Amino acid sequence: MKHLAVSILVIVVIIVLGFTFTSFQVRETETALRVKLGKADSDSEIKEPGIYFRWPAPIERIYKFDSRMRVFEADLGETTTKGAVPIIVKTYVVWNIAEPLEFFNAVGSVKEAENKLLSQISNTQNKIIGQHNFSEFVNSDPEQIKFDEIQQEMLEDLRAAVKDQFGIGIRTLGIKQLMVNKDVTENVFERMKAERQQRTQNTLSEGEAEKIKIRSDADAKKKVLLAATEARAKQIRGQGDAEAAKYYKMLDADPELAMFLRNIDALKKILSEKSTIVLSADSQPFELLKKMPETQAVK
């Protein structure tokens, strides 16, 4: 009985050891690469978590890589914009091991991967930033700043460069810090000041031009109104002269009748309006009312 227990224990140990040497586990946060007799291909990549079987070493070796995202910050580096204005930038990237086979063949370790990234980020900065003017980084007008577009261009350039060569995937890229030296800063502020002064002058010039236009329009309208008023005045004077001419003829023929008719017309015009006027009864033409005959109602 004792020998049976020992035998069972030995068998269990052998099974456990055999399972240990002929299997391996890939976790959720890992990818793995099978290297059989020193060779590996695209079929050797394992990107799904689980338990896999293998040939024992040295026939087959398993290399595991942490596939989680990492943050890498490059050193401050000086580069020049399209207008040859020097700026100092610090770029960061969020990356992971995307292709185990390419990473194993070209890089091999995280430290070496970061060295490759550092070199490639520098190349990308010089290439992309050199295509943009300084005013797209620093400007008093927010609409002229193209930070997001520049970062996107850098991301696409860096992503294409490192994935195929080094098996590195780039999730995010951003410019963490942007600096300019003292001389450039002074020049920038002087240029911004000149731009503001130019805008002010342009606004004043536009305002002066608008003022002249408004004044010209007002003068033109004034002339038109004065001409129309003068024409109307001449028309009224003409009508008055025509009316007066009739009275002049009457006056020549019968002066008393002419004055009587003039008073009648004046009285008609005054009484046609609903107004109250207090005047002496002897005033012209109201004296005519005193001469009106009395009227009696017919019974």
C-alpha atoms as a PDB file:
ATOM      1  CA  MET A   1       0.000   0.000   0.000  1.00  0.00           C
ATOM      2  CA  LYS A   2       2.845   2.308   0.850  1.00  0.00           C
ATOM      3  CA  HIS A   3       4.599   1.574  -2.422  1.00  0.00           C
ATOM      4  CA  LEU A   4       1.344   2.307  -4.327  1.00  0.00           C
ATOM      5  CA  ALA A   5       1.051   5.737  -2.733  1.00  0.00           C
ATOM      6  CA  VAL A   6       4.640   6.571  -3.586  1.00  0.00           C
ATOM      7  CA  SER A   7       4.106   5.428  -7.152  1.00  0.00           C
ATOM      8  CA  ILE A   8       1.002   7.575  -7.509  1.00  0.00           C
ATOM      9  CA  LEU A   9       2.851  10.584  -6.093  1.00  0.00           C
ATOM     10  CA  VAL A  10       5.721  10.057  -8.515  1.00  0.00           C
ATOM     11  CA  ILE A  11       3.300   9.792 -11.437  1.00  0.00           C
ATOM     12  CA  VAL A  12       1.521  12.990 -10.387  1.00  0.00           C
ATOM     13  CA  VAL A  13       4.843  14.837 -10.081  1.00  0.00           C
ATOM     14  CA  ILE A  14       5.898  13.612 -13.523  1.00  0.00           C
ATOM     15  CA  ILE A  15       2.580  14.711 -15.017  1.00  0.00           C
ATOM     16  CA  VAL A  16       2.843  18.144 -13.382  1.00  0.00           C
ATOM     17  CA  LEU A  17       6.414  18.602 -14.538  1.00  0.00           C
ATOM     18  CA  GLY A  18       5.549  17.378 -18.011  1.00  0.00           C
ATOM     19  CA  PHE A  19       2.623  19.800 -18.208  1.00  0.00           C
ATOM     20  CA  THR A  20       4.855  22.591 -16.944  1.00  0.00           C
ATOM     21  CA  PHE A  21       7.520  21.974 -19.559  1.00  0.00           C
ATOM     22  CA  THR A  22       5.099  21.429 -22.428  1.00  0.00           C
ATOM     23  CA  SER A  23       2.601  24.241 -21.853  1.00  0.00           C
ATOM     24  CA  PHE A  24       2.551  27.966 -21.170  1.00  0.00           C
ATOM     25  CA  GLN A  25      -0.015  30.658 -20.407  1.00  0.00           C
ATOM     26  CA  VAL A  26      -0.575  33.963 -22.202  1.00  0.00           C
ATOM     27  CA  ARG A  27      -2.368  36.545 -20.042  1.00  0.00           C
ATOM     28  CA  GLU A  28      -4.744  39.288 -21.126  1.00  0.00           C
ATOM     29  CA  THR A  29      -1.957  41.864 -20.959  1.00  0.00           C
ATOM     30  CA  GLU A  30       0.556  39.823 -22.943  1.00  0.00           C
ATOM     31  CA  THR A  31       1.471  38.662 -26.404  1.00  0.00           C
ATOM     32  CA  ALA A  32       3.905  35.824 -27.079  1.00  0.00           C
ATOM     33  CA  LEU A  33       6.215  34.546 -29.775  1.00  0.00           C
ATOM     34  CA  ARG A  34       7.175  30.921 -30.441  1.00  0.00           C
ATOM     35  CA  VAL A  35      10.768  30.501 -31.596  1.00  0.00           C
ATOM     36  CA  LYS A  36      11.306  26.950 -32.814  1.00  0.00           C
ATOM     37  CA  LEU A  37      14.917  25.954 -33.408  1.00  0.00           C
ATOM     38  CA  GLY A  38      15.844  29.640 -33.579  1.00  0.00           C
ATOM     39  CA  LYS A  39      13.260  30.492 -36.232  1.00  0.00           C
ATOM     40  CA  ALA A  40       9.945  32.324 -36.113  1.00  0.00           C
ATOM     41  CA  ASP A  41       7.387  33.630 -38.597  1.00  0.00           C
ATOM     42  CA  SER A  42       3.997  35.326 -38.569  1.00  0.00           C
ATOM     43  CA  ASP A  43       2.330  32.060 -37.506  1.00  0.00           C
ATOM     44  CA  SER A  44       4.525  32.058 -34.403  1.00  0.00           C
ATOM     45  CA  GLU A  45       2.755  35.098 -32.945  1.00  0.00           C
ATOM     46  CA  ILE A  46       0.222  34.568 -30.166  1.00  0.00           C
ATOM     47  CA  LYS A  47      -2.022  37.529 -29.435  1.00  0.00           C
ATOM     48  CA  GLU A  48      -4.978  35.826 -27.762  1.00  0.00           C
ATOM     49  CA  PRO A  49      -4.889  34.924 -24.031  1.00  0.00           C
ATOM     50  CA  GLY A  50      -5.068  31.275 -22.998  1.00  0.00           C
ATOM     51  CA  ILE A  51      -3.058  28.102 -22.303  1.00  0.00           C
ATOM     52  CA  TYR A  52      -0.970  26.725 -25.161  1.00  0.00           C
ATOM     53  CA  PHE A  53       1.184  23.631 -25.594  1.00  0.00           C
ATOM     54  CA  ARG A  54       4.792  23.729 -26.703  1.00  0.00           C
ATOM     55  CA  TRP A  55       7.849  21.636 -27.331  1.00  0.00           C
ATOM     56  CA  PRO A  56      10.202  21.669 -24.378  1.00  0.00           C
ATOM     57  CA  ALA A  57      13.348  23.811 -24.518  1.00  0.00           C
ATOM     58  CA  PRO A  58      15.665  24.053 -26.313  1.00  0.00           C
ATOM     59  CA  ILE A  59      13.511  22.835 -29.199  1.00  0.00           C
ATOM     60  CA  GLU A  60      11.018  25.674 -28.728  1.00  0.00           C
ATOM     61  CA  ARG A  61      11.407  28.849 -26.710  1.00  0.00           C
ATOM     62  CA  ILE A  62       8.609  31.194 -25.729  1.00  0.00           C
ATOM     63  CA  TYR A  63       9.112  34.961 -25.509  1.00  0.00           C
ATOM     64  CA  LYS A  64       6.415  37.006 -23.819  1.00  0.00           C
ATOM     65  CA  PHE A  65       5.849  40.747 -24.225  1.00  0.00           C
ATOM     66  CA  ASP A  66       3.771  43.145 -22.165  1.00  0.00           C
ATOM     67  CA  SER A  67       1.185  44.549 -24.594  1.00  0.00           C
ATOM     68  CA  ARG A  68      -0.132  47.273 -22.275  1.00  0.00           C
ATOM     69  CA  MET A  69       0.163  50.946 -23.224  1.00  0.00           C
ATOM     70  CA  ARG A  70       3.270  52.808 -22.130  1.00  0.00           C
ATOM     71  CA  VAL A  71       4.009  56.534 -21.962  1.00  0.00           C
ATOM     72  CA  PHE A  72       7.321  57.769 -23.270  1.00  0.00           C
ATOM     73  CA  GLU A  73       8.494  61.381 -23.103  1.00  0.00           C
ATOM     74  CA  ALA A  74      11.237  62.538 -25.425  1.00  0.00           C
ATOM     75  CA  ASP A  75      13.893  65.015 -24.328  1.00  0.00           C
ATOM     76  CA  LEU A  76      13.585  68.712 -25.075  1.00  0.00           C
ATOM     77  CA  GLY A  77      14.766  69.212 -28.609  1.00  0.00           C
ATOM     78  CA  GLU A  78      15.334  72.287 -30.763  1.00  0.00           C
ATOM     79  CA  THR A  79      14.011  72.378 -34.289  1.00  0.00           C
ATOM     80  CA  THR A  80      13.163  75.061 -36.816  1.00  0.00           C
ATOM     81  CA  THR A  81       9.879  76.064 -38.387  1.00  0.00           C
ATOM     82  CA  LYS A  82       9.248  76.758 -42.061  1.00  0.00           C
ATOM     83  CA  GLY A  83      10.478  80.329 -41.673  1.00  0.00           C
ATOM     84  CA  ALA A  84      13.722  79.158 -39.999  1.00  0.00           C
ATOM     85  CA  VAL A  85      12.513  80.289 -36.570  1.00  0.00           C
ATOM     86  CA  PRO A  86      13.980  78.002 -33.875  1.00  0.00           C
ATOM     87  CA  ILE A  87      11.643  76.525 -31.275  1.00  0.00           C
ATOM     88  CA  ILE A  88      12.152  74.011 -28.466  1.00  0.00           C
ATOM     89  CA  VAL A  89       9.586  71.240 -28.090  1.00  0.00           C
ATOM     90  CA  LYS A  90       9.043  68.240 -25.846  1.00  0.00           C
ATOM     91  CA  THR A  91       6.937  65.439 -27.300  1.00  0.00           C
ATOM     92  CA  TYR A  92       5.305  62.471 -25.606  1.00  0.00           C
ATOM     93  CA  VAL A  93       3.848  59.293 -27.104  1.00  0.00           C
ATOM     94  CA  VAL A  94       1.615  56.499 -25.832  1.00  0.00           C
ATOM     95  CA  TRP A  95       2.774  53.221 -27.359  1.00  0.00           C
ATOM     96  CA  ASN A  96       2.679  49.439 -27.058  1.00  0.00           C
ATOM     97  CA  ILE A  97       4.161  46.319 -28.635  1.00  0.00           C
ATOM     98  CA  ALA A  98       1.791  45.738 -31.544  1.00  0.00           C
ATOM     99  CA  GLU A  99       3.675  43.151 -33.628  1.00  0.00           C
ATOM    100  CA  PRO A 100       5.669  40.642 -31.514  1.00  0.00           C
ATOM    101  CA  LEU A 101       7.644  39.204 -34.457  1.00  0.00           C
ATOM    102  CA  GLU A 102       8.875  42.581 -35.786  1.00  0.00           C
ATOM    103  CA  PHE A 103       9.551  43.789 -32.264  1.00  0.00           C
ATOM    104  CA  PHE A 104      11.585  40.664 -31.429  1.00  0.00           C
ATOM    105  CA  ASN A 105      13.644  40.837 -34.625  1.00  0.00           C
ATOM    106  CA  ALA A 106      14.261  44.613 -34.717  1.00  0.00           C
ATOM    107  CA  VAL A 107      14.225  45.693 -31.074  1.00  0.00           C
ATOM    108  CA  GLY A 108      14.056  42.908 -28.534  1.00  0.00           C
ATOM    109  CA  SER A 109      13.592  44.982 -25.369  1.00  0.00           C
ATOM    110  CA  VAL A 110      11.614  47.933 -24.054  1.00  0.00           C
ATOM    111  CA  LYS A 111      14.781  49.935 -23.411  1.00  0.00           C
ATOM    112  CA  GLU A 112      15.940  49.525 -26.980  1.00  0.00           C
ATOM    113  CA  ALA A 113      12.423  50.358 -28.197  1.00  0.00           C
ATOM    114  CA  GLU A 114      12.520  53.671 -26.348  1.00  0.00           C
ATOM    115  CA  ASN A 115      15.897  54.445 -27.930  1.00  0.00           C
ATOM    116  CA  LYS A 116      14.395  53.806 -31.348  1.00  0.00           C
ATOM    117  CA  LEU A 117      11.406  55.996 -30.478  1.00  0.00           C
ATOM    118  CA  LEU A 118      13.647  58.827 -29.299  1.00  0.00           C
ATOM    119  CA  SER A 119      15.511  58.858 -32.606  1.00  0.00           C
ATOM    120  CA  GLN A 120      12.375  58.586 -34.700  1.00  0.00           C
ATOM    121  CA  ILE A 121      10.522  61.307 -32.742  1.00  0.00           C
ATOM    122  CA  SER A 122      13.400  63.679 -33.444  1.00  0.00           C
ATOM    123  CA  ASN A 123      13.176  62.917 -37.165  1.00  0.00           C
ATOM    124  CA  THR A 124       9.407  63.405 -37.146  1.00  0.00           C
ATOM    125  CA  GLN A 125       9.668  66.745 -35.316  1.00  0.00           C
ATOM    126  CA  ASN A 126      12.208  68.088 -37.788  1.00  0.00           C
ATOM    127  CA  LYS A 127      10.176  66.883 -40.762  1.00  0.00           C
ATOM    128  CA  ILE A 128       6.670  68.002 -39.760  1.00  0.00           C
ATOM    129  CA  ILE A 129       7.467  71.174 -37.816  1.00  0.00           C
ATOM    130  CA  GLY A 130       9.701  72.287 -40.668  1.00  0.00           C
ATOM    131  CA  GLN A 131       6.618  72.347 -42.899  1.00  0.00           C
ATOM    132  CA  HIS A 132       4.728  74.855 -40.724  1.00  0.00           C
ATOM    133  CA  ASN A 133       5.259  78.537 -39.992  1.00  0.00           C
ATOM    134  CA  PHE A 134       5.977  79.827 -36.505  1.00  0.00           C
ATOM    135  CA  SER A 135       2.682  81.727 -36.572  1.00  0.00           C
ATOM    136  CA  GLU A 136       0.867  78.376 -36.539  1.00  0.00           C
ATOM    137  CA  PHE A 137       2.373  77.673 -33.099  1.00  0.00           C
ATOM    138  CA  VAL A 138       2.262  81.143 -31.503  1.00  0.00           C
ATOM    139  CA  ASN A 139      -0.247  83.742 -32.646  1.00  0.00           C
ATOM    140  CA  SER A 140      -2.491  86.404 -31.146  1.00  0.00           C
ATOM    141  CA  ASP A 141      -5.294  85.095 -33.353  1.00  0.00           C
ATOM    142  CA  PRO A 142      -6.470  81.679 -32.025  1.00  0.00           C
ATOM    143  CA  GLU A 143      -7.817  80.719 -35.449  1.00  0.00           C
ATOM    144  CA  GLN A 144      -4.299  80.845 -36.890  1.00  0.00           C
ATOM    145  CA  ILE A 145      -2.904  78.293 -34.409  1.00  0.00           C
ATOM    146  CA  LYS A 146      -2.719  74.778 -35.939  1.00  0.00           C
ATOM    147  CA  PHE A 147      -1.559  72.771 -32.928  1.00  0.00           C
ATOM    148  CA  ASP A 148      -4.013  69.920 -33.353  1.00  0.00           C
ATOM    149  CA  GLU A 149      -3.335  69.554 -37.070  1.00  0.00           C
ATOM    150  CA  ILE A 150       0.430  69.531 -36.507  1.00  0.00           C
ATOM    151  CA  GLN A 151       0.186  66.891 -33.770  1.00  0.00           C
ATOM    152  CA  GLN A 152      -1.993  64.722 -36.020  1.00  0.00           C
ATOM    153  CA  GLU A 153       0.531  64.969 -38.849  1.00  0.00           C
ATOM    154  CA  MET A 154       3.347  64.012 -36.468  1.00  0.00           C
ATOM    155  CA  LEU A 155       1.301  61.053 -35.165  1.00  0.00           C
ATOM    156  CA  GLU A 156       0.651  59.689 -38.648  1.00  0.00           C
ATOM    157  CA  ASP A 157       4.291  60.098 -39.684  1.00  0.00           C
ATOM    158  CA  LEU A 158       5.659  58.429 -36.542  1.00  0.00           C
ATOM    159  CA  ARG A 159       3.058  55.650 -36.600  1.00  0.00           C
ATOM    160  CA  ALA A 160       3.912  54.679 -40.169  1.00  0.00           C
ATOM    161  CA  ALA A 161       7.645  54.733 -39.449  1.00  0.00           C
ATOM    162  CA  VAL A 162       7.801  52.532 -36.319  1.00  0.00           C
ATOM    163  CA  LYS A 163       5.090  49.926 -36.828  1.00  0.00           C
ATOM    164  CA  ASP A 164       6.533  48.258 -39.910  1.00  0.00           C
ATOM    165  CA  GLN A 165      10.142  48.632 -38.809  1.00  0.00           C
ATOM    166  CA  PHE A 166       9.948  47.916 -35.094  1.00  0.00           C
ATOM    167  CA  GLY A 167       6.503  46.399 -34.453  1.00  0.00           C
ATOM    168  CA  ILE A 168       5.597  49.359 -32.219  1.00  0.00           C
ATOM    169  CA  GLY A 169       2.045  50.758 -32.208  1.00  0.00           C
ATOM    170  CA  ILE A 170       1.535  54.465 -31.454  1.00  0.00           C
ATOM    171  CA  ARG A 171      -1.802  55.324 -29.865  1.00  0.00           C
ATOM    172  CA  THR A 172      -1.325  59.034 -29.064  1.00  0.00           C
ATOM    173  CA  LEU A 173       1.222  61.776 -29.719  1.00  0.00           C
ATOM    174  CA  GLY A 174       1.265  65.259 -28.238  1.00  0.00           C
ATOM    175  CA  ILE A 175       3.511  68.268 -27.776  1.00  0.00           C
ATOM    176  CA  LYS A 176       3.840  68.592 -24.005  1.00  0.00           C
ATOM    177  CA  GLN A 177       6.030  71.676 -23.929  1.00  0.00           C
ATOM    178  CA  LEU A 178       6.845  74.481 -26.383  1.00  0.00           C
ATOM    179  CA  MET A 179       9.475  77.121 -25.715  1.00  0.00           C
ATOM    180  CA  VAL A 180      11.291  79.832 -27.649  1.00  0.00           C
ATOM    181  CA  ASN A 181      14.506  81.618 -26.743  1.00  0.00           C
ATOM    182  CA  LYS A 182      14.620  85.217 -25.573  1.00  0.00           C
ATOM    183  CA  ASP A 183      15.537  86.785 -28.916  1.00  0.00           C
ATOM    184  CA  VAL A 184      12.762  84.945 -30.703  1.00  0.00           C
ATOM    185  CA  THR A 185      10.292  85.924 -27.982  1.00  0.00           C
ATOM    186  CA  GLU A 186      11.141  89.599 -28.355  1.00  0.00           C
ATOM    187  CA  ASN A 187      10.837  89.386 -32.131  1.00  0.00           C
ATOM    188  CA  VAL A 188       7.516  87.603 -31.823  1.00  0.00           C
ATOM    189  CA  PHE A 189       6.067  90.226 -29.504  1.00  0.00           C
ATOM    190  CA  GLU A 190       7.328  93.034 -31.732  1.00  0.00           C
ATOM    191  CA  ARG A 191       5.729  91.383 -34.729  1.00  0.00           C
ATOM    192  CA  MET A 192       2.483  90.829 -32.835  1.00  0.00           C
ATOM    193  CA  LYS A 193       2.546  94.474 -31.750  1.00  0.00           C
ATOM    194  CA  ALA A 194       3.092  95.592 -35.342  1.00  0.00           C
ATOM    195  CA  GLU A 195       0.238  93.370 -36.504  1.00  0.00           C
ATOM    196  CA  ARG A 196      -2.088  94.864 -33.878  1.00  0.00           C
ATOM    197  CA  GLN A 197      -1.074  98.392 -34.904  1.00  0.00           C
ATOM    198  CA  GLN A 198      -1.651  97.539 -38.537  1.00  0.00           C
ATOM    199  CA  ARG A 199      -5.092  96.147 -37.721  1.00  0.00           C
ATOM    200  CA  THR A 200      -5.883  99.318 -35.757  1.00  0.00           C
ATOM    201  CA  GLN A 201      -4.767 101.497 -38.648  1.00  0.00           C
ATOM    202  CA  ASN A 202      -6.809  99.442 -41.094  1.00  0.00           C
ATOM    203  CA  THR A 203      -9.865  99.765 -38.861  1.00  0.00           C
ATOM    204  CA  LEU A 204      -9.394 103.532 -38.585  1.00  0.00           C
ATOM    205  CA  SER A 205      -8.955 103.814 -42.340  1.00  0.00           C
ATOM    206  CA  GLU A 206     -12.102 101.785 -42.937  1.00  0.00           C
ATOM    207  CA  GLY A 207     -13.978 103.977 -40.473  1.00  0.00           C
ATOM    208  CA  GLU A 208     -12.736 107.170 -42.164  1.00  0.00           C
ATOM    209  CA  ALA A 209     -13.740 105.825 -45.574  1.00  0.00           C
ATOM    210  CA  GLU A 210     -17.175 104.906 -44.239  1.00  0.00           C
ATOM    211  CA  LYS A 211     -17.534 108.373 -42.706  1.00  0.00           C
ATOM    212  CA  ILE A 212     -16.688 110.038 -46.013  1.00  0.00           C
ATOM    213  CA  LYS A 213     -19.156 107.772 -47.814  1.00  0.00           C
ATOM    214  CA  ILE A 214     -21.938 108.547 -45.326  1.00  0.00           C
ATOM    215  CA  ARG A 215     -21.211 112.263 -45.524  1.00  0.00           C
ATOM    216  CA  SER A 216     -21.232 112.162 -49.324  1.00  0.00           C
ATOM    217  CA  ASP A 217     -24.529 110.304 -49.338  1.00  0.00           C
ATOM    218  CA  ALA A 218     -25.988 112.812 -46.874  1.00  0.00           C
ATOM    219  CA  ASP A 219     -24.797 115.758 -49.000  1.00  0.00           C
ATOM    220  CA  ALA A 220     -26.280 114.171 -52.112  1.00  0.00           C
ATOM    221  CA  LYS A 221     -29.616 113.610 -50.383  1.00  0.00           C
ATOM    222  CA  LYS A 222     -29.489 117.139 -49.019  1.00  0.00           C
ATOM    223  CA  LYS A 223     -29.044 118.559 -52.509  1.00  0.00           C
ATOM    224  CA  VAL A 224     -31.910 116.434 -53.815  1.00  0.00           C
ATOM    225  CA  LEU A 225     -34.195 117.554 -50.967  1.00  0.00           C
ATOM    226  CA  LEU A 226     -33.228 121.207 -51.383  1.00  0.00           C
ATOM    227  CA  ALA A 227     -33.859 120.994 -55.106  1.00  0.00           C
ATOM    228  CA  ALA A 228     -37.245 119.379 -54.523  1.00  0.00           C
ATOM    229  CA  THR A 229     -38.104 121.992 -51.879  1.00  0.00           C
ATOM    230  CA  GLU A 230     -37.044 124.831 -54.145  1.00  0.00           C
ATOM    231  CA  ALA A 231     -39.120 123.420 -56.973  1.00  0.00           C
ATOM    232  CA  ARG A 232     -42.132 123.099 -54.670  1.00  0.00           C
ATOM    233  CA  ALA A 233     -41.607 126.655 -53.417  1.00  0.00           C
ATOM    234  CA  LYS A 234     -41.493 127.945 -56.978  1.00  0.00           C
ATOM    235  CA  GLN A 235     -44.686 126.041 -57.732  1.00  0.00           C
ATOM    236  CA  ILE A 236     -46.418 127.537 -54.686  1.00  0.00           C
ATOM    237  CA  ARG A 237     -45.155 131.004 -55.540  1.00  0.00           C
ATOM    238  CA  GLY A 238     -46.421 130.520 -59.078  1.00  0.00           C
ATOM    239  CA  GLN A 239     -49.838 129.505 -57.808  1.00  0.00           C
ATOM    240  CA  GLY A 240     -49.843 132.474 -55.438  1.00  0.00           C
ATOM    241  CA  ASP A 241     -48.880 134.831 -58.231  1.00  0.00           C
ATOM    242  CA  ALA A 242     -51.660 133.384 -60.376  1.00  0.00           C
ATOM    243  CA  GLU A 243     -54.181 133.872 -57.585  1.00  0.00           C
ATOM    244  CA  ALA A 244     -52.912 137.375 -56.943  1.00  0.00           C
ATOM    245  CA  ALA A 245     -53.175 138.204 -60.613  1.00  0.00           C
ATOM    246  CA  LYS A 246     -56.916 137.514 -60.498  1.00  0.00           C
ATOM    247  CA  TYR A 247     -57.348 139.892 -57.575  1.00  0.00           C
ATOM    248  CA  TYR A 248     -55.213 142.482 -59.354  1.00  0.00           C
ATOM    249  CA  LYS A 249     -57.580 142.356 -62.313  1.00  0.00           C
ATOM    250  CA  MET A 250     -60.582 142.639 -59.996  1.00  0.00           C
ATOM    251  CA  LEU A 251     -58.845 145.423 -58.139  1.00  0.00           C
ATOM    252  CA  ASP A 252     -58.390 147.364 -61.306  1.00  0.00           C
ATOM    253  CA  ALA A 253     -62.037 146.893 -62.301  1.00  0.00           C
ATOM    254  CA  ASP A 254     -63.698 147.359 -58.880  1.00  0.00           C
ATOM    255  CA  PRO A 255     -61.388 147.813 -55.870  1.00  0.00           C
ATOM    256  CA  GLU A 256     -64.158 147.512 -53.282  1.00  0.00           C
ATOM    257  CA  LEU A 257     -65.517 144.305 -54.800  1.00  0.00           C
ATOM    258  CA  ALA A 258     -62.044 142.821 -54.959  1.00  0.00           C
ATOM    259  CA  MET A 259     -61.401 143.517 -51.274  1.00  0.00           C
ATOM    260  CA  PHE A 260     -64.843 142.136 -50.408  1.00  0.00           C
ATOM    261  CA  LEU A 261     -64.178 138.878 -52.296  1.00  0.00           C
ATOM    262  CA  ARG A 262     -60.744 138.553 -50.690  1.00  0.00           C
ATOM    263  CA  ASN A 263     -62.290 138.890 -47.237  1.00  0.00           C
ATOM    264  CA  ILE A 264     -64.972 136.317 -48.104  1.00  0.00           C
ATOM    265  CA  ASP A 265     -62.310 133.788 -49.162  1.00  0.00           C
ATOM    266  CA  ALA A 266     -60.273 134.398 -46.006  1.00  0.00           C
ATOM    267  CA  LEU A 267     -63.361 133.956 -43.838  1.00  0.00           C
ATOM    268  CA  LYS A 268     -64.275 130.684 -45.587  1.00  0.00           C
ATOM    269  CA  LYS A 269     -60.818 129.280 -44.988  1.00  0.00           C
ATOM    270  CA  ILE A 270     -60.792 130.264 -41.319  1.00  0.00           C
ATOM    271  CA  LEU A 271     -64.290 128.944 -40.560  1.00  0.00           C
ATOM    272  CA  SER A 272     -63.654 125.676 -42.391  1.00  0.00           C
ATOM    273  CA  GLU A 273     -61.368 124.538 -39.553  1.00  0.00           C
ATOM    274  CA  LYS A 274     -62.533 123.677 -36.053  1.00  0.00           C
ATOM    275  CA  SER A 275     -60.623 126.307 -34.148  1.00  0.00           C
ATOM    276  CA  THR A 276     -61.383 129.034 -31.664  1.00  0.00           C
ATOM    277  CA  ILE A 277     -59.984 132.496 -32.351  1.00  0.00           C
ATOM    278  CA  VAL A 278     -60.663 135.554 -30.197  1.00  0.00           C
ATOM    279  CA  LEU A 279     -60.421 138.767 -32.240  1.00  0.00           C
ATOM    280  CA  SER A 280     -62.171 142.092 -32.304  1.00  0.00           C
ATOM    281  CA  ALA A 281     -65.445 142.054 -34.241  1.00  0.00           C
ATOM    282  CA  ASP A 282     -64.180 145.000 -36.252  1.00  0.00           C
ATOM    283  CA  SER A 283     -61.204 143.041 -37.515  1.00  0.00           C
ATOM    284  CA  GLN A 284     -61.050 142.053 -41.129  1.00  0.00           C
ATOM    285  CA  PRO A 285     -62.764 139.922 -42.383  1.00  0.00           C
ATOM    286  CA  PHE A 286     -65.000 139.309 -39.349  1.00  0.00           C
ATOM    287  CA  GLU A 287     -66.830 142.631 -39.721  1.00  0.00           C
ATOM    288  CA  LEU A 288     -68.761 140.933 -42.506  1.00  0.00           C
ATOM    289  CA  LEU A 289     -70.508 138.800 -39.915  1.00  0.00           C
ATOM    290  CA  LYS A 290     -72.014 141.913 -38.336  1.00  0.00           C
ATOM    291  CA  LYS A 291     -73.547 142.879 -41.659  1.00  0.00           C
ATOM    292  CA  MET A 292     -75.255 139.526 -42.199  1.00  0.00           C
ATOM    293  CA  PRO A 293     -79.077 139.875 -42.239  1.00  0.00           C
ATOM    294  CA  GLU A 294     -81.074 138.309 -39.449  1.00  0.00           C
ATOM    295  CA  THR A 295     -82.867 135.141 -40.303  1.00  0.00           C
ATOM    296  CA  GLN A 296     -85.999 133.745 -38.715  1.00  0.00           C
ATOM    297  CA  ALA A 297     -87.259 130.267 -38.691  1.00  0.00           C
ATOM    298  CA  VAL A 298     -90.304 129.620 -40.830  1.00  0.00           C
ATOM    299  CA  LYS A 299     -93.301 128.669 -38.716  1.00  0.00           C
END
